[in-house]
């Protein structure tokens, strides 16, 4: 852990050498993501509700999904871009060092511009909670938010690590990321009850983004379920994280050096 903290500190210092570039990138990314939510809000403003979920409730779902994905992209950009390590043979350099390759990947090139997405998500979350506070008590929901955000980040990272591991066999993962990251997280912006049954099965099992925000919010926003719905995200995130780690260590055995 001490080594990881030192590596992270070095990465942050190197990124902060160009402060204006960091500020511009962060603001730009946050604005782009804000426009995405404005489009969702425009749709909800016209139709009032989506399957019983109003604009503030969908805002909470969107904010949690946005913050979780942005935290992952901030802390693990090299996992997201892992195919370059296969194509360019850079993974060889990680294997010859006396530190876990995964630790090295997580400590390299933090993408601080993605903090703009975190701030944008927090802004939407605050506005949504303010709107909901006029109708119901939110003390329990607010107290639970740190848990659900950690679980959301863990599910995001686990999906990304699982996808990155596929590169040990295919070398390229960009096409897979469309189905394992981009599409599922876009779907997680909305309540799961709007999707057909077969798609809901996927989001509750193979790609469990439903547990990142929808399942606990069913209970916290009084839309059904019971207290156990608050335990499921942590359980699913923990199991999925362990499974992705095992798959990663299994996949490394099939890595073949480029010889360059």
Protein backbone atom coordinates (compact mmCIF):
# COMPACT_ATOMS: atom_id res chain seq x y z
CA UNK A 1 0.00 0.00 0.00
CA UNK A 2 2.86 2.42 0.84
CA UNK A 3 4.43 1.73 -2.54
CA UNK A 4 1.10 2.30 -4.29
CA UNK A 5 0.64 5.64 -2.51
CA UNK A 6 4.14 6.74 -3.51
CA UNK A 7 3.51 5.79 -7.14
CA UNK A 8 0.17 7.59 -7.13
CA UNK A 9 1.76 10.71 -5.64
CA UNK A 10 4.43 10.72 -8.34
CA UNK A 11 1.78 10.32 -11.04
CA UNK A 12 -0.26 13.23 -9.67
CA UNK A 13 2.80 15.48 -9.45
CA UNK A 14 3.68 14.75 -13.07
CA UNK A 15 0.12 15.52 -14.20
CA UNK A 16 -0.01 18.78 -12.27
CA UNK A 17 3.04 20.13 -14.10
CA UNK A 18 0.55 21.39 -16.70
CA UNK A 19 -2.14 22.98 -14.53
CA UNK A 20 -3.97 24.91 -17.26
CA UNK A 21 -4.25 21.80 -19.41
CA UNK A 22 -5.64 19.92 -16.40
CA UNK A 23 -8.22 22.64 -15.65
CA UNK A 24 -9.31 22.94 -19.30
CA UNK A 25 -9.63 19.18 -19.73
CA UNK A 26 -11.56 18.79 -16.47
CA UNK A 27 -14.03 21.57 -17.30
CA UNK A 28 -14.48 20.35 -20.88
CA UNK A 29 -15.22 16.81 -19.79
CA UNK A 30 -17.67 17.99 -17.13
CA UNK A 31 -19.52 20.21 -19.62
CA UNK A 32 -19.80 17.41 -22.17
CA UNK A 33 -21.30 15.10 -19.59
CA UNK A 34 -23.64 17.84 -18.37
CA UNK A 35 -25.02 18.21 -21.90
CA UNK A 36 -25.73 14.48 -21.85
CA UNK A 37 -27.91 14.88 -18.77
CA UNK A 38 -29.62 17.97 -20.16
CA UNK A 39 -30.86 15.82 -23.04
CA UNK A 40 -32.25 13.28 -20.56
CA UNK A 41 -33.88 16.07 -18.56
CA UNK A 42 -35.48 17.46 -21.72
CA UNK A 43 -37.09 14.11 -22.44
CA UNK A 44 -38.36 13.77 -18.87
CA UNK A 45 -39.64 17.34 -18.87
CA UNK A 46 -41.85 16.46 -21.82
CA UNK A 47 -43.13 13.11 -20.56
CA UNK A 48 -43.03 13.95 -16.82
CA UNK A 49 -42.16 10.39 -15.75
CA UNK A 50 -40.52 7.23 -17.07
CA UNK A 51 -42.23 4.13 -15.69
CA UNK A 52 -43.01 5.92 -12.43
CA UNK A 53 -39.61 7.63 -12.05
CA UNK A 54 -39.60 11.43 -12.16
CA UNK A 55 -36.77 13.70 -13.27
CA UNK A 56 -35.20 13.95 -9.79
CA UNK A 57 -35.22 10.20 -9.23
CA UNK A 58 -33.68 9.56 -12.65
CA UNK A 59 -31.18 12.31 -11.79
CA UNK A 60 -30.04 10.31 -8.77
CA UNK A 61 -29.57 7.19 -10.93
CA UNK A 62 -27.68 9.20 -13.55
CA UNK A 63 -25.46 10.92 -10.98
CA UNK A 64 -24.41 7.67 -9.28
CA UNK A 65 -23.65 6.05 -12.63
CA UNK A 66 -21.72 9.11 -13.80
CA UNK A 67 -19.66 9.45 -10.62
CA UNK A 68 -18.85 5.73 -10.52
CA UNK A 69 -17.66 5.62 -14.13
CA UNK A 70 -15.71 8.88 -13.79
CA UNK A 71 -13.94 7.64 -10.65
CA UNK A 72 -12.90 4.50 -12.48
CA UNK A 73 -11.67 6.48 -15.50
CA UNK A 74 -9.74 8.79 -13.15
CA UNK A 75 -8.04 6.07 -11.14
CA UNK A 76 -7.51 3.36 -13.77
CA UNK A 77 -6.97 4.92 -17.24
CA UNK A 78 -4.31 2.35 -18.11
CA UNK A 79 -6.78 -0.47 -17.52
CA UNK A 80 -9.13 1.25 -19.94
CA UNK A 81 -6.35 1.57 -22.53
CA UNK A 82 -4.87 -1.85 -21.83
CA UNK A 83 -4.87 -3.05 -25.43
CA UNK A 84 -1.86 -0.82 -26.18
CA UNK A 85 0.16 -2.96 -23.77
CA UNK A 86 -0.63 -5.99 -25.90
CA UNK A 87 -0.17 -4.36 -29.32
CA UNK A 88 3.01 -2.45 -28.48
CA UNK A 89 4.50 -5.07 -26.17
CA UNK A 90 4.59 -2.71 -23.17
CA UNK A 91 3.29 -5.39 -20.83
CA UNK A 92 6.73 -7.03 -20.92
CA UNK A 93 8.15 -4.05 -19.02
CA UNK A 94 5.62 -4.52 -16.24
CA UNK A 95 6.30 -8.23 -15.85
CA UNK A 96 10.04 -7.79 -15.24
CA UNK A 97 9.50 -5.42 -12.32
CA UNK A 98 9.28 -6.68 -8.71
CA UNK A 99 5.77 -5.25 -8.30
CA UNK A 100 2.39 -6.59 -9.32
CA UNK A 101 1.57 -5.53 -12.92
CA UNK A 102 -1.90 -4.54 -11.78
CA UNK A 103 -0.50 -2.21 -9.09
CA UNK A 104 1.78 -0.60 -11.68
CA UNK A 105 -1.12 -0.11 -14.08
CA UNK A 106 -3.25 1.49 -11.37
CA UNK A 107 -0.49 3.90 -10.39
CA UNK A 108 0.35 5.15 -13.90
CA UNK A 109 -1.00 8.24 -15.62
CA UNK A 110 -4.00 9.10 -13.47
CA UNK A 111 -6.51 10.89 -15.71
CA UNK A 112 -7.29 13.87 -13.51
CA UNK A 113 -9.42 15.48 -16.23
CA UNK A 114 -12.11 12.91 -15.40
CA UNK A 115 -12.60 14.68 -12.07
CA UNK A 116 -14.80 16.99 -14.12
CA UNK A 117 -17.19 14.06 -14.55
CA UNK A 118 -17.17 13.43 -10.80
CA UNK A 119 -17.97 17.09 -10.07
CA UNK A 120 -20.69 17.12 -12.70
CA UNK A 121 -22.22 13.99 -11.17
CA UNK A 122 -22.08 15.51 -7.69
CA UNK A 123 -23.80 18.67 -8.95
CA UNK A 124 -26.62 16.68 -10.53
CA UNK A 125 -26.88 14.55 -7.40
CA UNK A 126 -27.21 17.61 -5.17
CA UNK A 127 -29.84 19.20 -7.43
CA UNK A 128 -31.80 15.95 -7.62
CA UNK A 129 -31.70 15.41 -3.86
CA UNK A 130 -32.83 18.98 -3.33
CA UNK A 131 -35.81 18.37 -5.60
CA UNK A 132 -36.68 15.13 -3.83
CA UNK A 133 -36.32 16.69 -0.37
CA UNK A 134 -39.51 18.65 -0.98
CA UNK A 135 -41.45 15.38 -1.11
CA UNK A 136 -39.69 12.97 1.29
CA UNK A 137 -37.06 12.55 3.99
CA UNK A 138 -33.65 11.69 2.55
CA UNK A 139 -31.46 11.29 5.63
CA UNK A 140 -31.12 7.52 5.17
CA UNK A 141 -30.41 7.90 1.43
CA UNK A 142 -27.72 10.55 2.00
CA UNK A 143 -26.07 8.44 4.71
CA UNK A 144 -25.97 5.47 2.33
CA UNK A 145 -24.45 7.40 -0.60
CA UNK A 146 -20.75 6.77 0.30
CA UNK A 147 -21.45 3.02 0.33
CA UNK A 148 -23.22 3.00 -3.02
CA UNK A 149 -20.55 5.16 -4.66
CA UNK A 150 -17.78 2.82 -3.50
CA UNK A 151 -19.80 -0.16 -4.76
CA UNK A 152 -20.42 1.62 -8.05
CA UNK A 153 -16.72 2.32 -8.50
CA UNK A 154 -15.87 -1.29 -7.66
CA UNK A 155 -18.39 -2.65 -10.16
CA UNK A 156 -17.05 -0.25 -12.81
CA UNK A 157 -13.47 -1.27 -12.16
CA UNK A 158 -14.33 -4.96 -12.11
CA UNK A 159 -16.09 -4.73 -15.48
CA UNK A 160 -13.10 -2.86 -16.90
CA UNK A 161 -10.58 -5.35 -15.50
CA UNK A 162 -12.60 -8.26 -16.85
CA UNK A 163 -12.66 -6.61 -20.28
CA UNK A 164 -8.95 -5.80 -20.15
CA UNK A 165 -8.15 -9.44 -19.39
CA UNK A 166 -9.76 -10.49 -22.66
CA UNK A 167 -6.83 -8.76 -24.38
CA UNK A 168 -4.54 -11.64 -23.36
CA UNK A 169 -6.35 -13.70 -26.01
CA UNK A 170 -7.66 -11.09 -28.48
CA UNK A 171 -5.07 -8.25 -28.12
CA UNK A 172 -7.81 -5.69 -28.81
CA UNK A 173 -10.64 -4.75 -26.44
CA UNK A 174 -12.17 -1.52 -27.81
CA UNK A 175 -15.09 -3.35 -29.40
CA UNK A 176 -15.71 -5.32 -26.21
CA UNK A 177 -15.78 -2.12 -24.14
CA UNK A 178 -18.81 -0.97 -26.11
CA UNK A 179 -20.77 -3.92 -24.76
CA UNK A 180 -19.24 -4.21 -21.28
CA UNK A 181 -18.82 -0.53 -20.31
CA UNK A 182 -20.30 2.13 -22.57
CA UNK A 183 -23.69 0.60 -23.34
CA UNK A 184 -24.34 -0.79 -19.81
CA UNK A 185 -23.45 2.48 -18.08
CA UNK A 186 -25.59 4.43 -20.51
CA UNK A 187 -28.42 2.02 -19.71
CA UNK A 188 -27.80 2.47 -15.97
CA UNK A 189 -28.74 6.14 -16.33
CA UNK A 190 -32.37 5.04 -16.50
CA UNK A 191 -34.53 2.76 -14.31
CA UNK A 192 -34.13 -0.89 -15.22
CA UNK A 193 -37.87 -1.50 -15.47
CA UNK A 194 -37.95 0.23 -18.87
CA UNK A 195 -35.91 -2.55 -20.49
CA UNK A 196 -37.12 -5.90 -21.86
CA UNK A 197 -36.76 -8.98 -19.68
CA UNK A 198 -33.74 -10.50 -21.44
CA UNK A 199 -31.80 -7.25 -21.09
CA UNK A 200 -32.67 -6.92 -17.41
CA UNK A 201 -31.34 -10.43 -16.83
CA UNK A 202 -27.97 -9.34 -18.28
CA UNK A 203 -27.86 -6.19 -16.13
CA UNK A 204 -28.63 -8.21 -13.00
CA UNK A 205 -26.17 -11.05 -13.69
CA UNK A 206 -23.41 -10.94 -16.32
CA UNK A 207 -23.00 -7.15 -16.28
CA UNK A 208 -24.46 -6.24 -12.87
CA UNK A 209 -24.85 -2.48 -13.28
CA UNK A 210 -28.37 -2.71 -11.83
CA UNK A 211 -26.85 -3.12 -8.36
CA UNK A 212 -24.83 0.05 -8.78
CA UNK A 213 -27.82 2.37 -8.38
CA UNK A 214 -31.21 0.90 -9.33
CA UNK A 215 -31.55 -1.86 -6.70
CA UNK A 216 -30.73 0.23 -3.59
CA UNK A 217 -32.74 3.18 -4.90
CA UNK A 218 -35.84 0.99 -5.18
CA UNK A 219 -35.83 0.79 -1.41
CA UNK A 220 -34.47 4.24 -0.61
CA UNK A 221 -36.94 6.00 -2.90
CA UNK A 222 -39.84 3.85 -1.66
CA UNK A 223 -40.44 2.03 -4.92
CA UNK A 224 -40.40 -1.50 -3.52
CA UNK A 225 -37.97 -4.00 -2.11
CA UNK A 226 -36.73 -4.31 1.44
CA UNK A 227 -33.73 -3.55 3.63
CA UNK A 228 -31.75 -6.40 2.06
CA UNK A 229 -31.61 -4.35 -1.14
CA UNK A 230 -29.05 -2.16 0.63
CA UNK A 231 -26.78 -5.15 1.29
CA UNK A 232 -26.88 -6.55 -2.23
CA UNK A 233 -24.67 -3.87 -3.90
CA UNK A 234 -21.77 -4.53 -1.51
CA UNK A 235 -22.14 -8.31 -1.86
CA UNK A 236 -22.33 -8.19 -5.67
CA UNK A 237 -19.48 -5.67 -5.95
CA UNK A 238 -17.25 -7.78 -3.68
CA UNK A 239 -17.98 -11.05 -5.50
CA UNK A 240 -17.60 -9.47 -8.93
CA UNK A 241 -14.32 -7.83 -7.92
CA UNK A 242 -12.90 -11.15 -6.66
CA UNK A 243 -14.04 -12.90 -9.84
CA UNK A 244 -12.42 -10.27 -12.07
CA UNK A 245 -9.14 -10.53 -10.13
CA UNK A 246 -9.11 -14.31 -10.50
CA UNK A 247 -9.83 -13.96 -14.20
CA UNK A 248 -6.98 -11.42 -14.51
CA UNK A 249 -4.47 -13.74 -12.85
CA UNK A 250 -5.71 -16.60 -15.01
CA UNK A 251 -5.41 -14.52 -18.18
CA UNK A 252 -1.80 -13.50 -17.47
CA UNK A 253 -0.80 -17.17 -17.88
CA UNK A 254 -1.80 -16.91 -21.54
CA UNK A 255 0.19 -13.77 -22.29
CA UNK A 256 2.74 -14.15 -25.07
CA UNK A 257 5.48 -11.58 -25.42
CA UNK A 258 5.85 -9.77 -28.72
CA UNK A 259 9.60 -10.31 -28.54
CA UNK A 260 10.30 -6.65 -29.22
